[in-house]
Amino acid sequence: MWSIPPLITYIYMGDKKLQQEKQFGKGAIRQPLDIRDRIYDGIAFSVAPFDWNIGYDIEKVINYTIPFKDQDGSSSCVGQAWSYYLGILNAVETGVYTNISAKAIYSQIALNGGGAYIREGGKLAVNWGAVLDSLVTSYENGNPPMEKFMIDTSWKNSIIDIVAKKLASKEFRMIADITMEIVAQGMRDNFGVVGGVDGSNNGSWNTLEPMPGKKEWGHALYFGKAGIDEKGKFIATPNSWGNRFNGQWQKLREAWFVEQYMFNPWLLIDKINIDYMSQEIIDLVKQNEKGMIIENEAPGRKGIIYAGKLMEVLNGREGNAALYLIENKTSVRRVSKDIFNQLPKGNSF
């Protein structure tokens, strides 16, 4: 009976990991800053800083285990990442998570030669919207897709365009100051962030903690978890290469930010899905954007309407809320407890 020496075993396993990584599709293309783009960073400084000890977990927020996506060898990662995000925003609104079509996104923004700009996915979410995967499937005969299938637009027609509008977002904003703090804060306050990472086939993408290496390719990811553990701070992604770790998300740590491997992070400001709100609530929200809502009865909760959602003002943050009202020249509206409870909820102020 013979055995492989430890060093040879390590090299063999390393090569196997590298070969597996090469099969995974990537396709996020860096895009220069456009001065016309709306920036999130200013908003971030108006709200509570991210508490790493409390952390953030989108699966706990929506009370649902999000199914993993698998782009296989296609370059559709931008479409995959945005489809995670849009499905989550719909779940926040309706209470039900449903897969959003990555193909409907990617096929409309794909560049010649494959891949896409992350910005264009956010722009499409606002100007066009999104559709369920049951309407435009992202899987080829039930299997993970190849590029030719994902860039096909023969599915598109005027009826689908009308349906897509129901899931349209209000606006998309870029995070210009790409720090771990701002990304985590944007994630918490907007139910996630879609951003790009520079990576290489260094074997670590087949582990729960990918490590920075050479900048050989760009890959788009949805980030929906953040926290701190015995190794330090992390943000986490389900990635779009299938369920490879028994339901666990991959963690990226501070080195990805310090060494500037992260690029073009974007988030969405959602708007009310009119199918799930009364006209009274829709009007109230529209008329009081950036204003304060106070509950008339005990306990007298307070909240700021921001991007169509009520951000409840936490104890100790009343002063910040007052400054926010002064800066935006907005007013206060008092409502009943029943109306306060019906308002679409965002995160805390």
Protein backbone atom coordinates (compact mmCIF):
# COMPACT_ATOMS: atom_id res chain seq x y z
CA MET A 1 0.00 0.00 0.00
CA TRP A 2 1.54 3.34 -1.01
CA SER A 3 0.59 6.86 -0.01
CA ILE A 4 1.03 10.26 -1.62
CA PRO A 5 3.61 12.41 0.23
CA PRO A 6 2.02 15.43 1.99
CA LEU A 7 3.62 18.05 -0.31
CA ILE A 8 2.41 16.26 -3.45
CA THR A 9 -1.05 15.92 -1.90
CA TYR A 10 -1.16 19.66 -1.25
CA ILE A 11 -0.13 20.48 -4.81
CA TYR A 12 -2.68 18.06 -6.23
CA MET A 13 -5.53 19.46 -4.15
CA GLY A 14 -4.44 22.99 -4.97
CA ASP A 15 -4.50 22.27 -8.69
CA LYS A 16 -7.95 20.73 -8.34
CA LYS A 17 -9.23 23.86 -6.61
CA LEU A 18 -7.72 26.06 -9.29
CA GLN A 19 -9.35 24.02 -12.04
CA GLN A 20 -12.72 24.28 -10.29
CA GLU A 21 -12.37 28.04 -9.89
CA LYS A 22 -11.59 28.48 -13.58
CA GLN A 23 -14.96 26.92 -14.40
CA PHE A 24 -16.87 29.53 -12.41
CA GLY A 25 -18.26 32.38 -14.48
CA LYS A 26 -17.21 35.96 -13.79
CA GLY A 27 -18.13 39.11 -15.64
CA ALA A 28 -18.17 42.37 -13.66
CA ILE A 29 -16.47 45.17 -15.57
CA ARG A 30 -15.05 48.19 -13.74
CA GLN A 31 -16.71 51.46 -14.69
CA PRO A 32 -15.37 54.99 -14.09
CA LEU A 33 -17.27 57.39 -11.83
CA ASP A 34 -19.91 59.45 -13.62
CA ILE A 35 -20.46 62.84 -11.96
CA ARG A 36 -24.17 62.57 -12.78
CA ASP A 37 -24.57 59.47 -10.58
CA ARG A 38 -26.32 59.90 -7.25
CA ILE A 39 -24.07 59.17 -4.28
CA TYR A 40 -25.16 57.34 -1.13
CA ASP A 41 -22.35 58.48 1.17
CA GLY A 42 -24.00 61.75 2.28
CA ILE A 43 -27.08 59.88 3.43
CA ALA A 44 -24.90 57.45 5.36
CA PHE A 45 -23.56 60.20 7.62
CA SER A 46 -27.12 61.21 8.63
CA VAL A 47 -28.05 57.88 10.17
CA ALA A 48 -26.72 55.64 12.94
CA PRO A 49 -23.27 54.10 12.36
CA PHE A 50 -23.11 50.35 11.79
CA ASP A 51 -22.92 48.32 15.00
CA TRP A 52 -20.61 45.39 14.24
CA ASN A 53 -21.52 43.60 17.46
CA ILE A 54 -25.20 43.54 16.49
CA GLY A 55 -24.36 42.84 12.87
CA TYR A 56 -26.83 42.40 10.04
CA ASP A 57 -28.38 39.32 8.46
CA ILE A 58 -30.89 39.76 5.64
CA GLU A 59 -32.17 36.20 6.08
CA LYS A 60 -33.24 37.09 9.62
CA VAL A 61 -34.79 40.35 8.41
CA ILE A 62 -37.04 38.58 5.89
CA ASN A 63 -37.26 35.37 7.94
CA TYR A 64 -36.31 33.21 4.97
CA THR A 65 -33.34 31.13 3.82
CA ILE A 66 -32.42 32.56 0.43
CA PRO A 67 -31.79 29.90 -2.24
CA PHE A 68 -28.39 30.01 -3.92
CA LYS A 69 -28.07 30.95 -7.59
CA ASP A 70 -25.77 29.20 -10.06
CA GLN A 71 -24.48 31.04 -13.12
CA ASP A 72 -22.21 28.14 -14.10
CA GLY A 73 -19.80 29.20 -16.84
CA SER A 74 -21.81 32.22 -17.99
CA SER A 75 -20.58 35.76 -17.39
CA SER A 76 -23.93 36.77 -15.85
CA CYS A 77 -22.76 37.57 -12.31
CA VAL A 78 -24.04 41.16 -12.53
CA GLY A 79 -27.52 39.89 -13.39
CA GLN A 80 -27.32 37.25 -10.67
CA ALA A 81 -26.29 39.73 -7.97
CA TRP A 82 -29.05 42.21 -8.85
CA SER A 83 -31.63 39.43 -9.01
CA TYR A 84 -30.77 38.44 -5.42
CA TYR A 85 -31.24 42.05 -4.34
CA LEU A 86 -34.51 42.63 -6.20
CA GLY A 87 -35.99 39.39 -4.87
CA ILE A 88 -35.12 40.51 -1.35
CA LEU A 89 -36.65 43.97 -1.79
CA ASN A 90 -39.83 42.31 -3.03
CA ALA A 91 -39.81 40.02 0.02
CA VAL A 92 -39.42 43.00 2.36
CA GLU A 93 -42.48 44.54 0.73
CA THR A 94 -44.71 41.48 0.39
CA GLY A 95 -43.43 39.08 3.04
CA VAL A 96 -42.76 36.41 0.41
CA TYR A 97 -39.40 35.70 -1.26
CA THR A 98 -39.60 34.74 -4.92
CA ASN A 99 -36.68 34.29 -7.32
CA ILE A 100 -36.20 37.22 -9.69
CA SER A 101 -34.93 36.50 -13.20
CA ALA A 102 -31.19 37.07 -13.59
CA LYS A 103 -31.52 36.44 -17.32
CA ALA A 104 -34.05 39.25 -17.77
CA ILE A 105 -31.50 41.61 -16.22
CA TYR A 106 -28.27 40.35 -17.75
CA SER A 107 -29.53 39.86 -21.30
CA GLN A 108 -30.49 43.54 -21.46
CA ILE A 109 -27.17 44.93 -20.20
CA ALA A 110 -24.59 42.38 -21.42
CA LEU A 111 -21.57 43.82 -23.22
CA ASN A 112 -20.10 42.47 -26.43
CA GLY A 113 -17.69 39.75 -25.37
CA GLY A 114 -19.57 39.04 -22.14
CA GLY A 115 -19.94 40.62 -18.73
CA ALA A 116 -21.65 43.86 -17.73
CA TYR A 117 -21.29 47.07 -15.75
CA ILE A 118 -22.84 46.86 -12.27
CA ARG A 119 -24.30 50.35 -12.64
CA GLU A 120 -26.42 49.26 -15.60
CA GLY A 121 -28.20 46.64 -13.48
CA GLY A 122 -29.28 49.31 -11.00
CA LYS A 123 -30.34 51.62 -13.80
CA LEU A 124 -32.42 48.86 -15.35
CA ALA A 125 -34.10 48.14 -11.99
CA VAL A 126 -35.31 51.75 -11.91
CA ASN A 127 -36.14 52.38 -15.57
CA TRP A 128 -37.50 48.94 -16.46
CA GLY A 129 -38.03 46.91 -13.28
CA ALA A 130 -37.77 43.17 -12.83
CA VAL A 131 -39.72 39.96 -13.43
CA LEU A 132 -39.98 36.63 -11.67
CA ASP A 133 -37.81 33.74 -12.75
CA SER A 134 -40.98 31.75 -13.38
CA LEU A 135 -41.73 34.19 -16.22
CA VAL A 136 -38.21 34.43 -17.70
CA THR A 137 -36.19 31.48 -16.44
CA SER A 138 -32.48 31.80 -15.73
CA TYR A 139 -31.91 28.05 -16.03
CA GLU A 140 -31.45 26.19 -19.29
CA ASN A 141 -33.78 23.18 -19.24
CA GLY A 142 -33.50 23.28 -15.45
CA ASN A 143 -29.69 23.35 -15.53
CA PRO A 144 -27.22 26.17 -14.74
CA PRO A 145 -26.92 28.32 -17.88
CA MET A 146 -24.25 29.03 -20.46
CA GLU A 147 -23.55 32.48 -21.90
CA LYS A 148 -25.46 32.01 -25.16
CA PHE A 149 -28.64 31.23 -23.24
CA MET A 150 -28.21 34.15 -20.82
CA ILE A 151 -27.74 36.85 -23.47
CA ASP A 152 -30.74 35.76 -25.55
CA THR A 153 -33.48 38.41 -25.54
CA SER A 154 -36.15 36.57 -27.54
CA TRP A 155 -38.25 36.45 -24.35
CA LYS A 156 -38.78 40.24 -24.34
CA ASN A 157 -42.14 41.73 -25.39
CA SER A 158 -44.45 44.62 -24.51
CA ILE A 159 -46.50 42.55 -22.04
CA ILE A 160 -43.43 41.56 -20.03
CA ASP A 161 -42.30 45.19 -20.06
CA ILE A 162 -45.57 46.19 -18.39
CA VAL A 163 -45.27 43.41 -15.79
CA ALA A 164 -41.68 44.46 -14.99
CA LYS A 165 -42.79 47.95 -13.95
CA LYS A 166 -44.54 46.53 -10.88
CA LEU A 167 -41.15 45.67 -9.37
CA ALA A 168 -39.32 48.83 -10.40
CA SER A 169 -37.18 50.64 -7.82
CA LYS A 170 -37.19 54.38 -7.10
CA GLU A 171 -33.50 55.16 -7.60
CA PHE A 172 -30.04 53.65 -7.55
CA ARG A 173 -27.11 55.16 -5.66
CA MET A 174 -23.38 54.52 -5.76
CA ILE A 175 -21.13 54.22 -2.73
CA ALA A 176 -18.20 56.47 -3.66
CA ASP A 177 -16.16 56.11 -0.45
CA ILE A 178 -15.64 52.34 -0.56
CA THR A 179 -14.98 51.57 3.10
CA MET A 180 -16.20 48.55 5.01
CA GLU A 181 -18.16 50.83 7.36
CA ILE A 182 -20.12 52.61 4.62
CA VAL A 183 -20.83 49.38 2.72
CA ALA A 184 -22.13 47.69 5.89
CA GLN A 185 -24.24 50.75 6.71
CA GLY A 186 -25.68 50.87 3.19
CA MET A 187 -26.46 47.17 3.43
CA ARG A 188 -28.30 47.58 6.72
CA ASP A 189 -30.33 50.60 5.64
CA ASN A 190 -31.20 49.39 2.13
CA PHE A 191 -31.40 45.58 2.57
CA GLY A 192 -28.17 44.89 0.72
CA VAL A 193 -25.45 46.14 -1.61
CA VAL A 194 -24.32 44.90 -5.03
CA GLY A 195 -20.62 45.40 -5.70
CA GLY A 196 -17.66 44.07 -7.61
CA VAL A 197 -14.44 42.42 -6.46
CA ASP A 198 -11.16 41.93 -8.27
CA GLY A 199 -10.09 38.32 -7.94
CA SER A 200 -7.93 35.52 -9.24
CA ASN A 201 -8.03 31.73 -9.42
CA ASN A 202 -5.90 31.32 -6.30
CA GLY A 203 -7.87 28.41 -4.83
CA SER A 204 -9.43 30.42 -2.01
CA TRP A 205 -12.79 30.91 -3.75
CA ASN A 206 -13.42 27.26 -2.96
CA THR A 207 -13.34 28.10 0.74
CA LEU A 208 -15.66 30.05 3.03
CA GLU A 209 -13.17 32.92 3.17
CA PRO A 210 -11.79 33.94 -0.24
CA MET A 211 -8.49 35.80 -0.06
CA PRO A 212 -7.26 38.68 -2.22
CA GLY A 213 -4.70 37.79 -4.85
CA LYS A 214 -3.84 39.03 -8.30
CA LYS A 215 -6.42 41.19 -10.05
CA GLU A 216 -7.18 38.88 -12.95
CA TRP A 217 -10.96 39.22 -13.25
CA GLY A 218 -13.97 41.08 -11.86
CA HIS A 219 -16.93 39.39 -10.22
CA ALA A 220 -20.23 40.93 -9.04
CA LEU A 221 -21.71 39.89 -5.69
CA TYR A 222 -24.75 40.65 -3.57
CA PHE A 223 -23.80 41.39 0.04
CA GLY A 224 -26.49 40.90 2.68
CA LYS A 225 -24.73 39.97 5.92
CA ALA A 226 -22.12 41.68 8.08
CA GLY A 227 -20.72 41.23 11.55
CA ILE A 228 -17.69 40.47 13.66
CA ASP A 229 -16.34 37.11 14.84
CA GLU A 230 -13.14 35.79 16.39
CA LYS A 231 -11.20 36.74 13.23
CA GLY A 232 -12.59 40.27 12.94
CA LYS A 233 -15.10 42.11 10.78
CA PHE A 234 -16.67 40.59 7.69
CA ILE A 235 -19.31 41.10 5.05
CA ALA A 236 -20.88 38.03 3.48
CA THR A 237 -22.29 36.95 0.13
CA PRO A 238 -24.22 33.93 -1.15
CA ASN A 239 -22.20 34.28 -4.39
CA SER A 240 -23.74 32.86 -7.58
CA TRP A 241 -21.80 29.63 -7.98
CA GLY A 242 -24.32 27.29 -6.36
CA ASN A 243 -24.68 25.97 -2.83
CA ARG A 244 -21.16 24.72 -2.15
CA PHE A 245 -20.92 25.11 1.63
CA ASN A 246 -24.12 23.60 3.07
CA GLY A 247 -26.00 26.88 3.08
CA GLN A 248 -23.19 29.05 4.47
CA TRP A 249 -22.31 32.39 2.89
CA GLN A 250 -18.75 33.32 1.97
CA LYS A 251 -17.07 35.97 4.13
CA LEU A 252 -14.88 38.79 2.84
CA ARG A 253 -12.77 40.62 5.39
CA GLU A 254 -11.17 44.04 5.71
CA ALA A 255 -8.22 43.26 3.42
CA TRP A 256 -10.60 43.41 0.45
CA PHE A 257 -11.28 47.08 1.31
CA VAL A 258 -7.88 48.17 2.59
CA GLU A 259 -6.14 46.82 -0.51
CA GLN A 260 -8.84 48.23 -2.83
CA TYR A 261 -10.14 45.02 -4.37
CA MET A 262 -13.74 46.23 -4.07
CA PHE A 263 -15.22 48.33 -6.85
CA ASN A 264 -18.46 49.98 -8.00
CA PRO A 265 -20.77 49.17 -5.03
CA TRP A 266 -24.39 50.18 -5.64
CA LEU A 267 -27.62 50.04 -3.70
CA LEU A 268 -31.28 50.58 -4.51
CA ILE A 269 -33.81 52.91 -2.95
CA ASP A 270 -37.02 50.93 -3.29
CA LYS A 271 -40.50 52.34 -3.82
CA ILE A 272 -43.90 51.13 -2.77
CA ASN A 273 -45.34 48.22 -4.69
CA ILE A 274 -48.83 49.58 -5.29
CA ASP A 275 -50.35 46.10 -5.30
CA TYR A 276 -49.83 45.86 -1.53
CA MET A 277 -50.70 49.35 -0.21
CA SER A 278 -53.95 51.27 0.18
CA GLN A 279 -54.23 54.60 -1.63
CA GLU A 280 -54.35 56.40 1.72
CA ILE A 281 -50.97 54.98 2.74
CA ILE A 282 -49.44 55.61 -0.69
CA ASP A 283 -50.52 59.26 -0.58
CA LEU A 284 -49.31 59.70 3.01
CA VAL A 285 -45.87 58.37 2.15
CA LYS A 286 -45.54 60.46 -1.02
CA GLN A 287 -46.63 63.66 0.72
CA ASN A 288 -44.26 63.25 3.67
CA GLU A 289 -40.99 62.17 2.03
CA LYS A 290 -38.11 63.12 4.39
CA GLY A 291 -40.66 64.26 6.98
CA MET A 292 -41.34 62.90 10.46
CA ILE A 293 -44.35 60.75 11.37
CA ILE A 294 -45.41 60.60 15.02
CA GLU A 295 -47.81 58.04 16.46
CA ASN A 296 -50.57 59.83 18.38
CA GLU A 297 -51.21 57.11 20.95
CA ALA A 298 -48.75 55.44 23.34
CA PRO A 299 -45.92 54.60 23.01
CA GLY A 300 -45.69 57.57 20.63
CA ARG A 301 -43.26 56.08 18.15
CA LYS A 302 -41.52 58.39 15.69
CA GLY A 303 -40.11 57.79 12.25
CA ILE A 304 -38.64 59.52 9.22
CA ILE A 305 -40.08 58.75 5.79
CA TYR A 306 -37.12 58.07 3.54
CA ALA A 307 -37.36 56.65 -0.01
CA GLY A 308 -40.94 55.56 0.62
CA LYS A 309 -40.20 53.68 3.85
CA LEU A 310 -40.61 54.61 7.52
CA MET A 311 -37.27 54.58 9.36
CA GLU A 312 -38.17 54.43 13.05
CA VAL A 313 -36.22 56.89 15.20
CA LEU A 314 -34.41 55.02 17.99
CA ASN A 315 -34.06 56.34 21.55
CA GLY A 316 -31.17 58.77 21.68
CA ARG A 317 -31.44 59.62 17.98
CA GLU A 318 -34.18 62.26 18.32
CA GLY A 319 -31.64 65.09 18.06
CA ASN A 320 -30.23 63.69 14.84
CA ALA A 321 -33.76 63.34 13.48
CA ALA A 322 -34.52 66.97 14.33
CA LEU A 323 -31.38 68.13 12.50
CA TYR A 324 -32.40 66.01 9.52
CA LEU A 325 -35.79 67.75 9.39
CA ILE A 326 -34.15 71.18 9.56
CA GLU A 327 -31.62 70.32 6.82
CA ASN A 328 -34.35 69.05 4.51
CA LYS A 329 -36.91 71.76 5.46
CA THR A 330 -39.59 69.16 6.15
CA SER A 331 -42.35 68.95 8.73
CA VAL A 332 -44.00 66.64 11.26
CA ARG A 333 -47.22 64.68 10.69
CA ARG A 334 -49.19 62.95 13.44
CA VAL A 335 -51.11 59.76 12.64
CA SER A 336 -53.09 57.07 14.46
CA LYS A 337 -51.46 53.88 15.70
CA ASP A 338 -53.29 51.92 13.01
CA ILE A 339 -51.90 54.13 10.22
CA PHE A 340 -48.42 54.07 11.77
CA ASN A 341 -48.49 50.26 11.74
CA GLN A 342 -49.55 50.17 8.06
CA LEU A 343 -46.69 52.34 6.82
CA PRO A 344 -44.04 50.40 4.84
CA LYS A 345 -41.09 49.89 7.19
CA GLY A 346 -37.44 50.42 6.49
CA ASN A 347 -34.58 50.10 8.94
CA SER A 348 -34.04 52.31 12.00
CA PHE A 349 -32.91 55.93 11.79
